[in-house]
Amino acid sequence: MSSASEQRREQLVEVFNEAAVCEKCPLSATRTRVVFGSGNADADLMFVGEAPGAEEDRQGLPFVGRAGALLTELLEGIDLRREDVFIANVLKCRPPGNRDPQPIEIESCEPYLARQVQLIEPRVVCTLGNFATKLLTRSQTGITKVRGAPQVHSLGGRTVFVMPLFHPAAALRTPSVADTLRSDFAKLPELLKQAPPDAEPAATPEPSNAEPQSSQAEPALEADQLGLFG
């Protein structure tokens, strides 16, 4: 590991330690554990979901239920492991009853996600589901219209490709969604080969499902979280 990578990893652990005791919103009173994220601190590919569920809240790890198993399977389908990517959520704490995130919760967690993107330095950020997609693309266009079409956005002070994807939980409920999700995952290896985008466009055109132009293109607090930032 290079000195720069080690320094960024140490900074990521510092952000984790800050988030682990965060009391900026009411979710701090109802959570079991903060679910900061896990994976490779030098990942080129990052996934961002909405919020932890019950099992994630219990274990302190993201995407560990059935949807997480499908995410692992989808990664294996493109010759990647969970250890090769970084997985996080917009919210770091579970909303009671898995209700929709509230504005104060989003506002409180946004700096943590921004720092994650800034320190991990991914080339591609995949948004999983409608909520994460709308928030990170700053658009109210639904996931069905934008899925599978890479966009360029500034996140955490970095210009990255944002790839909207259906949430794995939706794929578990609907076979046709699962087929679409597999098809969109298959686009990721080529997208990762593209040079990082230089800057976010001043005006974002109406989204389509076309590919981007190729020419443009520790000590942690919990024992079971020691491998979060491998």
C-alpha atoms as a PDB file:
ATOM      1  CA  MET A   1       0.000   0.000   0.000  1.00  0.00           C
ATOM      2  CA  SER A   2       1.418   3.392  -0.996  1.00  0.00           C
ATOM      3  CA  SER A   3       1.878   6.143   1.567  1.00  0.00           C
ATOM      4  CA  ALA A   4      -0.858   8.171  -0.121  1.00  0.00           C
ATOM      5  CA  SER A   5      -3.283   5.243   0.056  1.00  0.00           C
ATOM      6  CA  GLU A   6      -2.411   4.611   3.693  1.00  0.00           C
ATOM      7  CA  GLN A   7      -2.952   8.278   4.524  1.00  0.00           C
ATOM      8  CA  ARG A   8      -6.353   8.303   2.815  1.00  0.00           C
ATOM      9  CA  ARG A   9      -7.307   5.088   4.609  1.00  0.00           C
ATOM     10  CA  GLU A  10      -6.392   6.660   7.950  1.00  0.00           C
ATOM     11  CA  GLN A  11      -8.494   9.702   7.104  1.00  0.00           C
ATOM     12  CA  LEU A  12     -11.403   7.450   6.188  1.00  0.00           C
ATOM     13  CA  VAL A  13     -11.130   5.728   9.549  1.00  0.00           C
ATOM     14  CA  GLU A  14     -11.237   9.161  11.196  1.00  0.00           C
ATOM     15  CA  VAL A  15     -14.479   9.947   9.350  1.00  0.00           C
ATOM     16  CA  PHE A  16     -15.858   6.560  10.403  1.00  0.00           C
ATOM     17  CA  ASN A  17     -15.014   7.221  14.040  1.00  0.00           C
ATOM     18  CA  GLU A  18     -16.784  10.573  13.810  1.00  0.00           C
ATOM     19  CA  ALA A  19     -19.867   9.039  12.202  1.00  0.00           C
ATOM     20  CA  ALA A  20     -19.953   6.188  14.724  1.00  0.00           C
ATOM     21  CA  VAL A  21     -20.818   8.598  17.549  1.00  0.00           C
ATOM     22  CA  CYS A  22     -22.840  11.065  15.465  1.00  0.00           C
ATOM     23  CA  GLU A  23     -25.885  12.605  17.136  1.00  0.00           C
ATOM     24  CA  LYS A  24     -26.748  15.196  14.492  1.00  0.00           C
ATOM     25  CA  CYS A  25     -30.252  13.837  13.851  1.00  0.00           C
ATOM     26  CA  PRO A  26     -32.916  11.864  15.752  1.00  0.00           C
ATOM     27  CA  LEU A  27     -31.834   8.543  14.198  1.00  0.00           C
ATOM     28  CA  SER A  28     -29.012   8.429  16.736  1.00  0.00           C
ATOM     29  CA  ALA A  29     -31.614   7.600  19.389  1.00  0.00           C
ATOM     30  CA  THR A  30     -33.114   4.632  17.515  1.00  0.00           C
ATOM     31  CA  ARG A  31     -30.170   2.992  15.735  1.00  0.00           C
ATOM     32  CA  THR A  32     -28.330  -0.080  16.954  1.00  0.00           C
ATOM     33  CA  ARG A  33     -25.164   0.708  15.034  1.00  0.00           C
ATOM     34  CA  VAL A  34     -23.978   3.239  12.491  1.00  0.00           C
ATOM     35  CA  VAL A  35     -23.576   1.581   9.096  1.00  0.00           C
ATOM     36  CA  PHE A  36     -20.749   3.621   7.624  1.00  0.00           C
ATOM     37  CA  GLY A  37     -19.873   1.458   4.630  1.00  0.00           C
ATOM     38  CA  SER A  38     -17.373  -1.236   3.767  1.00  0.00           C
ATOM     39  CA  GLY A  39     -14.953  -2.304   1.077  1.00  0.00           C
ATOM     40  CA  ASN A  40     -11.810  -1.119  -0.647  1.00  0.00           C
ATOM     41  CA  ALA A  41     -10.648   2.360   0.320  1.00  0.00           C
ATOM     42  CA  ASP A  42      -8.948   2.633  -3.103  1.00  0.00           C
ATOM     43  CA  ALA A  43     -11.931   1.363  -5.099  1.00  0.00           C
ATOM     44  CA  ASP A  44     -12.590   2.638  -8.603  1.00  0.00           C
ATOM     45  CA  LEU A  45     -16.227   1.553  -8.225  1.00  0.00           C
ATOM     46  CA  MET A  46     -18.538   2.690  -5.430  1.00  0.00           C
ATOM     47  CA  PHE A  47     -22.161   1.792  -4.720  1.00  0.00           C
ATOM     48  CA  VAL A  48     -24.562   4.043  -2.816  1.00  0.00           C
ATOM     49  CA  GLY A  49     -27.917   2.809  -1.571  1.00  0.00           C
ATOM     50  CA  GLU A  50     -30.627   4.539   0.428  1.00  0.00           C
ATOM     51  CA  ALA A  51     -30.322   3.507   4.081  1.00  0.00           C
ATOM     52  CA  PRO A  52     -29.551   0.485   6.265  1.00  0.00           C
ATOM     53  CA  GLY A  53     -32.247  -2.090   6.952  1.00  0.00           C
ATOM     54  CA  ALA A  54     -32.827  -4.168  10.064  1.00  0.00           C
ATOM     55  CA  GLU A  55     -30.034  -6.670   9.455  1.00  0.00           C
ATOM     56  CA  GLU A  56     -27.582  -3.944   8.448  1.00  0.00           C
ATOM     57  CA  ASP A  57     -28.456  -2.064  11.631  1.00  0.00           C
ATOM     58  CA  ARG A  58     -27.799  -5.226  13.667  1.00  0.00           C
ATOM     59  CA  GLN A  59     -24.457  -6.064  12.041  1.00  0.00           C
ATOM     60  CA  GLY A  60     -23.192  -2.561  11.289  1.00  0.00           C
ATOM     61  CA  LEU A  61     -22.478  -3.549   7.665  1.00  0.00           C
ATOM     62  CA  PRO A  62     -24.203  -2.475   4.419  1.00  0.00           C
ATOM     63  CA  PHE A  63     -26.123  -4.832   2.120  1.00  0.00           C
ATOM     64  CA  VAL A  64     -25.887  -8.015   4.194  1.00  0.00           C
ATOM     65  CA  GLY A  65     -29.403  -9.394   3.638  1.00  0.00           C
ATOM     66  CA  ARG A  66     -30.938 -10.959   0.525  1.00  0.00           C
ATOM     67  CA  ALA A  67     -30.391  -7.796  -1.498  1.00  0.00           C
ATOM     68  CA  GLY A  68     -26.756  -7.859  -0.428  1.00  0.00           C
ATOM     69  CA  ALA A  69     -26.396 -11.463  -1.553  1.00  0.00           C
ATOM     70  CA  LEU A  70     -27.744 -10.481  -4.966  1.00  0.00           C
ATOM     71  CA  LEU A  71     -25.343  -7.537  -5.119  1.00  0.00           C
ATOM     72  CA  THR A  72     -22.468  -9.927  -4.418  1.00  0.00           C
ATOM     73  CA  GLU A  73     -23.721 -12.240  -7.188  1.00  0.00           C
ATOM     74  CA  LEU A  74     -23.988  -9.363  -9.645  1.00  0.00           C
ATOM     75  CA  LEU A  75     -20.430  -8.289  -8.868  1.00  0.00           C
ATOM     76  CA  GLU A  76     -19.163 -11.823  -9.397  1.00  0.00           C
ATOM     77  CA  GLY A  77     -20.903 -11.744 -12.780  1.00  0.00           C
ATOM     78  CA  ILE A  78     -18.483  -9.003 -13.873  1.00  0.00           C
ATOM     79  CA  ASP A  79     -15.457 -10.619 -12.190  1.00  0.00           C
ATOM     80  CA  LEU A  80     -15.447  -8.395  -9.118  1.00  0.00           C
ATOM     81  CA  ARG A  81     -15.722  -9.122  -5.401  1.00  0.00           C
ATOM     82  CA  ARG A  82     -17.199  -6.994  -2.656  1.00  0.00           C
ATOM     83  CA  GLU A  83     -13.623  -6.492  -1.480  1.00  0.00           C
ATOM     84  CA  ASP A  84     -12.854  -4.756  -4.788  1.00  0.00           C
ATOM     85  CA  VAL A  85     -15.526  -2.050  -4.427  1.00  0.00           C
ATOM     86  CA  PHE A  86     -16.842   0.253  -1.721  1.00  0.00           C
ATOM     87  CA  ILE A  87     -20.477  -0.001  -0.619  1.00  0.00           C
ATOM     88  CA  ALA A  88     -22.296   2.671   1.379  1.00  0.00           C
ATOM     89  CA  ASN A  89     -25.680   4.330   1.847  1.00  0.00           C
ATOM     90  CA  VAL A  90     -26.951   7.888   1.799  1.00  0.00           C
ATOM     91  CA  LEU A  91     -28.035   7.465   5.432  1.00  0.00           C
ATOM     92  CA  LYS A  92     -25.686   5.844   7.900  1.00  0.00           C
ATOM     93  CA  CYS A  93     -28.439   4.922  10.371  1.00  0.00           C
ATOM     94  CA  ARG A  94     -31.621   2.896   9.866  1.00  0.00           C
ATOM     95  CA  PRO A  95     -34.860   4.896   9.719  1.00  0.00           C
ATOM     96  CA  PRO A  96     -37.446   3.270  12.029  1.00  0.00           C
ATOM     97  CA  GLY A  97     -39.598   0.810  10.129  1.00  0.00           C
ATOM     98  CA  ASN A  98     -37.474   1.434   7.022  1.00  0.00           C
ATOM     99  CA  ARG A  99     -39.466   4.585   6.307  1.00  0.00           C
ATOM    100  CA  ASP A 100     -38.257   7.155   3.775  1.00  0.00           C
ATOM    101  CA  PRO A 101     -35.354   9.367   4.899  1.00  0.00           C
ATOM    102  CA  GLN A 102     -36.301  12.774   6.255  1.00  0.00           C
ATOM    103  CA  PRO A 103     -34.628  16.049   5.171  1.00  0.00           C
ATOM    104  CA  ILE A 104     -32.788  16.550   8.483  1.00  0.00           C
ATOM    105  CA  GLU A 105     -31.402  13.014   8.226  1.00  0.00           C
ATOM    106  CA  ILE A 106     -30.198  13.536   4.677  1.00  0.00           C
ATOM    107  CA  GLU A 107     -28.636  16.884   5.566  1.00  0.00           C
ATOM    108  CA  SER A 108     -26.849  15.361   8.562  1.00  0.00           C
ATOM    109  CA  CYS A 109     -25.405  12.429   6.596  1.00  0.00           C
ATOM    110  CA  GLU A 110     -24.464  14.190   3.347  1.00  0.00           C
ATOM    111  CA  PRO A 111     -21.050  15.366   4.634  1.00  0.00           C
ATOM    112  CA  TYR A 112     -20.070  11.798   5.499  1.00  0.00           C
ATOM    113  CA  LEU A 113     -20.908  10.532   2.023  1.00  0.00           C
ATOM    114  CA  ALA A 114     -19.115  13.490   0.440  1.00  0.00           C
ATOM    115  CA  ARG A 115     -15.981  12.703   2.447  1.00  0.00           C
ATOM    116  CA  GLN A 116     -16.195   9.050   1.472  1.00  0.00           C
ATOM    117  CA  VAL A 117     -16.228   9.946  -2.214  1.00  0.00           C
ATOM    118  CA  GLN A 118     -13.465  12.498  -1.721  1.00  0.00           C
ATOM    119  CA  LEU A 119     -11.161  10.041   0.069  1.00  0.00           C
ATOM    120  CA  ILE A 120     -11.906   6.853  -1.870  1.00  0.00           C
ATOM    121  CA  GLU A 121     -11.617   8.657  -5.234  1.00  0.00           C
ATOM    122  CA  PRO A 122     -13.851   6.330  -7.287  1.00  0.00           C
ATOM    123  CA  ARG A 123     -14.133   6.636 -11.068  1.00  0.00           C
ATOM    124  CA  VAL A 124     -17.735   5.407 -11.075  1.00  0.00           C
ATOM    125  CA  VAL A 125     -20.446   5.809  -8.425  1.00  0.00           C
ATOM    126  CA  CYS A 126     -23.463   3.538  -8.876  1.00  0.00           C
ATOM    127  CA  THR A 127     -26.666   4.752  -7.270  1.00  0.00           C
ATOM    128  CA  LEU A 128     -28.904   1.877  -6.203  1.00  0.00           C
ATOM    129  CA  GLY A 129     -32.577   2.724  -6.441  1.00  0.00           C
ATOM    130  CA  ASN A 130     -34.756   5.763  -6.862  1.00  0.00           C
ATOM    131  CA  PHE A 131     -33.880   7.667  -3.711  1.00  0.00           C
ATOM    132  CA  ALA A 132     -30.089   7.576  -4.019  1.00  0.00           C
ATOM    133  CA  THR A 133     -30.334   8.328  -7.738  1.00  0.00           C
ATOM    134  CA  LYS A 134     -32.480  11.421  -7.295  1.00  0.00           C
ATOM    135  CA  LEU A 135     -30.295  12.743  -4.497  1.00  0.00           C
ATOM    136  CA  LEU A 136     -26.915  12.246  -6.141  1.00  0.00           C
ATOM    137  CA  THR A 137     -28.004  13.361  -9.618  1.00  0.00           C
ATOM    138  CA  ARG A 138     -29.950  16.301  -8.179  1.00  0.00           C
ATOM    139  CA  SER A 139     -32.860  15.445 -10.444  1.00  0.00           C
ATOM    140  CA  GLN A 140     -36.409  14.301  -9.833  1.00  0.00           C
ATOM    141  CA  THR A 141     -36.363  12.056 -12.895  1.00  0.00           C
ATOM    142  CA  GLY A 142     -37.255   8.543 -11.785  1.00  0.00           C
ATOM    143  CA  ILE A 143     -34.899   5.578 -11.865  1.00  0.00           C
ATOM    144  CA  THR A 144     -36.867   3.794 -14.608  1.00  0.00           C
ATOM    145  CA  LYS A 145     -36.018   6.572 -17.098  1.00  0.00           C
ATOM    146  CA  VAL A 146     -32.344   7.012 -16.214  1.00  0.00           C
ATOM    147  CA  ARG A 147     -31.156   3.517 -15.247  1.00  0.00           C
ATOM    148  CA  GLY A 148     -28.211   2.149 -17.151  1.00  0.00           C
ATOM    149  CA  ALA A 149     -27.212   5.520 -18.620  1.00  0.00           C
ATOM    150  CA  PRO A 150     -24.001   7.012 -17.169  1.00  0.00           C
ATOM    151  CA  GLN A 151     -24.113  10.661 -16.170  1.00  0.00           C
ATOM    152  CA  VAL A 152     -21.359  13.062 -15.127  1.00  0.00           C
ATOM    153  CA  HIS A 153     -21.672  14.779 -11.757  1.00  0.00           C
ATOM    154  CA  SER A 154     -19.571  16.454  -9.092  1.00  0.00           C
ATOM    155  CA  LEU A 155     -19.646  14.517  -5.804  1.00  0.00           C
ATOM    156  CA  GLY A 156     -17.460  15.257  -2.822  1.00  0.00           C
ATOM    157  CA  GLY A 157     -15.489  17.758  -4.869  1.00  0.00           C
ATOM    158  CA  ARG A 158     -14.743  15.120  -7.537  1.00  0.00           C
ATOM    159  CA  THR A 159     -16.145  14.772 -11.039  1.00  0.00           C
ATOM    160  CA  VAL A 160     -17.263  11.178 -11.525  1.00  0.00           C
ATOM    161  CA  PHE A 161     -19.451   8.985 -13.663  1.00  0.00           C
ATOM    162  CA  VAL A 162     -22.733   8.300 -11.892  1.00  0.00           C
ATOM    163  CA  MET A 163     -24.463   5.113 -13.055  1.00  0.00           C
ATOM    164  CA  PRO A 164     -28.087   4.832 -11.881  1.00  0.00           C
ATOM    165  CA  LEU A 165     -29.150   1.236 -11.254  1.00  0.00           C
ATOM    166  CA  PHE A 166     -32.258  -0.478  -9.980  1.00  0.00           C
ATOM    167  CA  HIS A 167     -31.997  -1.460  -6.314  1.00  0.00           C
ATOM    168  CA  PRO A 168     -31.254  -5.182  -5.798  1.00  0.00           C
ATOM    169  CA  ALA A 169     -34.291  -5.397  -3.499  1.00  0.00           C
ATOM    170  CA  ALA A 170     -36.516  -4.456  -6.456  1.00  0.00           C
ATOM    171  CA  ALA A 171     -34.838  -7.153  -8.526  1.00  0.00           C
ATOM    172  CA  LEU A 172     -35.693  -9.736  -5.873  1.00  0.00           C
ATOM    173  CA  ARG A 173     -39.376  -8.880  -6.250  1.00  0.00           C
ATOM    174  CA  THR A 174     -39.558  -8.660 -10.043  1.00  0.00           C
ATOM    175  CA  PRO A 175     -37.725 -11.019 -12.446  1.00  0.00           C
ATOM    176  CA  SER A 176     -37.769  -8.496 -15.298  1.00  0.00           C
ATOM    177  CA  VAL A 177     -36.034  -5.940 -13.066  1.00  0.00           C
ATOM    178  CA  ALA A 178     -33.400  -8.544 -12.207  1.00  0.00           C
ATOM    179  CA  ASP A 179     -32.728  -9.101 -15.910  1.00  0.00           C
ATOM    180  CA  THR A 180     -32.392  -5.360 -16.484  1.00  0.00           C
ATOM    181  CA  LEU A 181     -30.067  -4.995 -13.510  1.00  0.00           C
ATOM    182  CA  ARG A 182     -27.794  -7.747 -14.821  1.00  0.00           C
ATOM    183  CA  SER A 183     -27.724  -6.067 -18.214  1.00  0.00           C
ATOM    184  CA  ASP A 184     -26.799  -2.716 -16.677  1.00  0.00           C
ATOM    185  CA  PHE A 185     -24.104  -4.304 -14.502  1.00  0.00           C
ATOM    186  CA  ALA A 186     -22.555  -5.719 -17.664  1.00  0.00           C
ATOM    187  CA  LYS A 187     -21.858  -2.130 -18.793  1.00  0.00           C
ATOM    188  CA  LEU A 188     -19.682  -1.348 -15.770  1.00  0.00           C
ATOM    189  CA  PRO A 189     -16.371  -2.925 -16.883  1.00  0.00           C
ATOM    190  CA  GLU A 190     -16.250  -0.777 -20.027  1.00  0.00           C
ATOM    191  CA  LEU A 191     -17.258   2.334 -18.098  1.00  0.00           C
ATOM    192  CA  LEU A 192     -14.458   1.718 -15.605  1.00  0.00           C
ATOM    193  CA  LYS A 193     -11.959   1.647 -18.483  1.00  0.00           C
ATOM    194  CA  GLN A 194     -12.874   5.164 -19.578  1.00  0.00           C
ATOM    195  CA  ALA A 195     -10.777   8.110 -18.505  1.00  0.00           C
ATOM    196  CA  PRO A 196     -12.336   9.989 -15.576  1.00  0.00           C
ATOM    197  CA  PRO A 197     -14.600  12.817 -16.768  1.00  0.00           C
ATOM    198  CA  ASP A 198     -13.010  16.246 -16.638  1.00  0.00           C
ATOM    199  CA  ALA A 199     -15.943  18.282 -15.401  1.00  0.00           C
ATOM    200  CA  GLU A 200     -19.658  18.170 -14.870  1.00  0.00           C
ATOM    201  CA  PRO A 201     -21.586  19.584 -17.850  1.00  0.00           C
ATOM    202  CA  ALA A 202     -23.059  23.020 -17.292  1.00  0.00           C
ATOM    203  CA  ALA A 203     -26.444  21.737 -18.432  1.00  0.00           C
ATOM    204  CA  THR A 204     -27.491  18.097 -18.217  1.00  0.00           C
ATOM    205  CA  PRO A 205     -29.465  16.898 -21.269  1.00  0.00           C
ATOM    206  CA  GLU A 206     -32.519  14.721 -20.969  1.00  0.00           C
ATOM    207  CA  PRO A 207     -31.287  11.269 -19.929  1.00  0.00           C
ATOM    208  CA  SER A 208     -31.319   8.309 -22.284  1.00  0.00           C
ATOM    209  CA  ASN A 209     -30.030   4.769 -22.085  1.00  0.00           C
ATOM    210  CA  ALA A 210     -27.189   5.456 -24.514  1.00  0.00           C
ATOM    211  CA  GLU A 211     -23.571   4.789 -23.552  1.00  0.00           C
ATOM    212  CA  PRO A 212     -21.312   7.811 -22.979  1.00  0.00           C
ATOM    213  CA  GLN A 213     -19.056   8.694 -25.908  1.00  0.00           C
ATOM    214  CA  SER A 214     -15.879   6.630 -25.614  1.00  0.00           C
ATOM    215  CA  SER A 215     -13.785   9.540 -26.892  1.00  0.00           C
ATOM    216  CA  GLN A 216     -14.779  11.500 -23.767  1.00  0.00           C
ATOM    217  CA  ALA A 217     -14.150   9.633 -22.296  1.00  0.00           C
ATOM    218  CA  GLU A 218      -7.681   1.342  11.993  1.00  0.00           C
ATOM    219  CA  PRO A 219      -8.491   1.030  14.909  1.00  0.00           C
ATOM    220  CA  ALA A 220     -12.216   0.927  14.293  1.00  0.00           C
ATOM    221  CA  LEU A 221     -14.796   0.888  17.053  1.00  0.00           C
ATOM    222  CA  GLU A 222     -16.248  -2.571  16.442  1.00  0.00           C
ATOM    223  CA  ALA A 223     -14.330  -5.846  16.052  1.00  0.00           C
ATOM    224  CA  ASP A 224     -16.458  -6.927  13.085  1.00  0.00           C
ATOM    225  CA  GLN A 225     -15.747  -3.673  11.254  1.00  0.00           C
ATOM    226  CA  LEU A 226     -11.955  -4.008  11.161  1.00  0.00           C
ATOM    227  CA  GLY A 227     -12.068  -4.869   7.471  1.00  0.00           C
ATOM    228  CA  LEU A 228     -14.258  -1.975   6.419  1.00  0.00           C
ATOM    229  CA  PHE A 229     -11.565  -0.107   4.571  1.00  0.00           C
ATOM    230  CA  GLY A 230      -9.348  -2.828   3.127  1.00  0.00           C
END
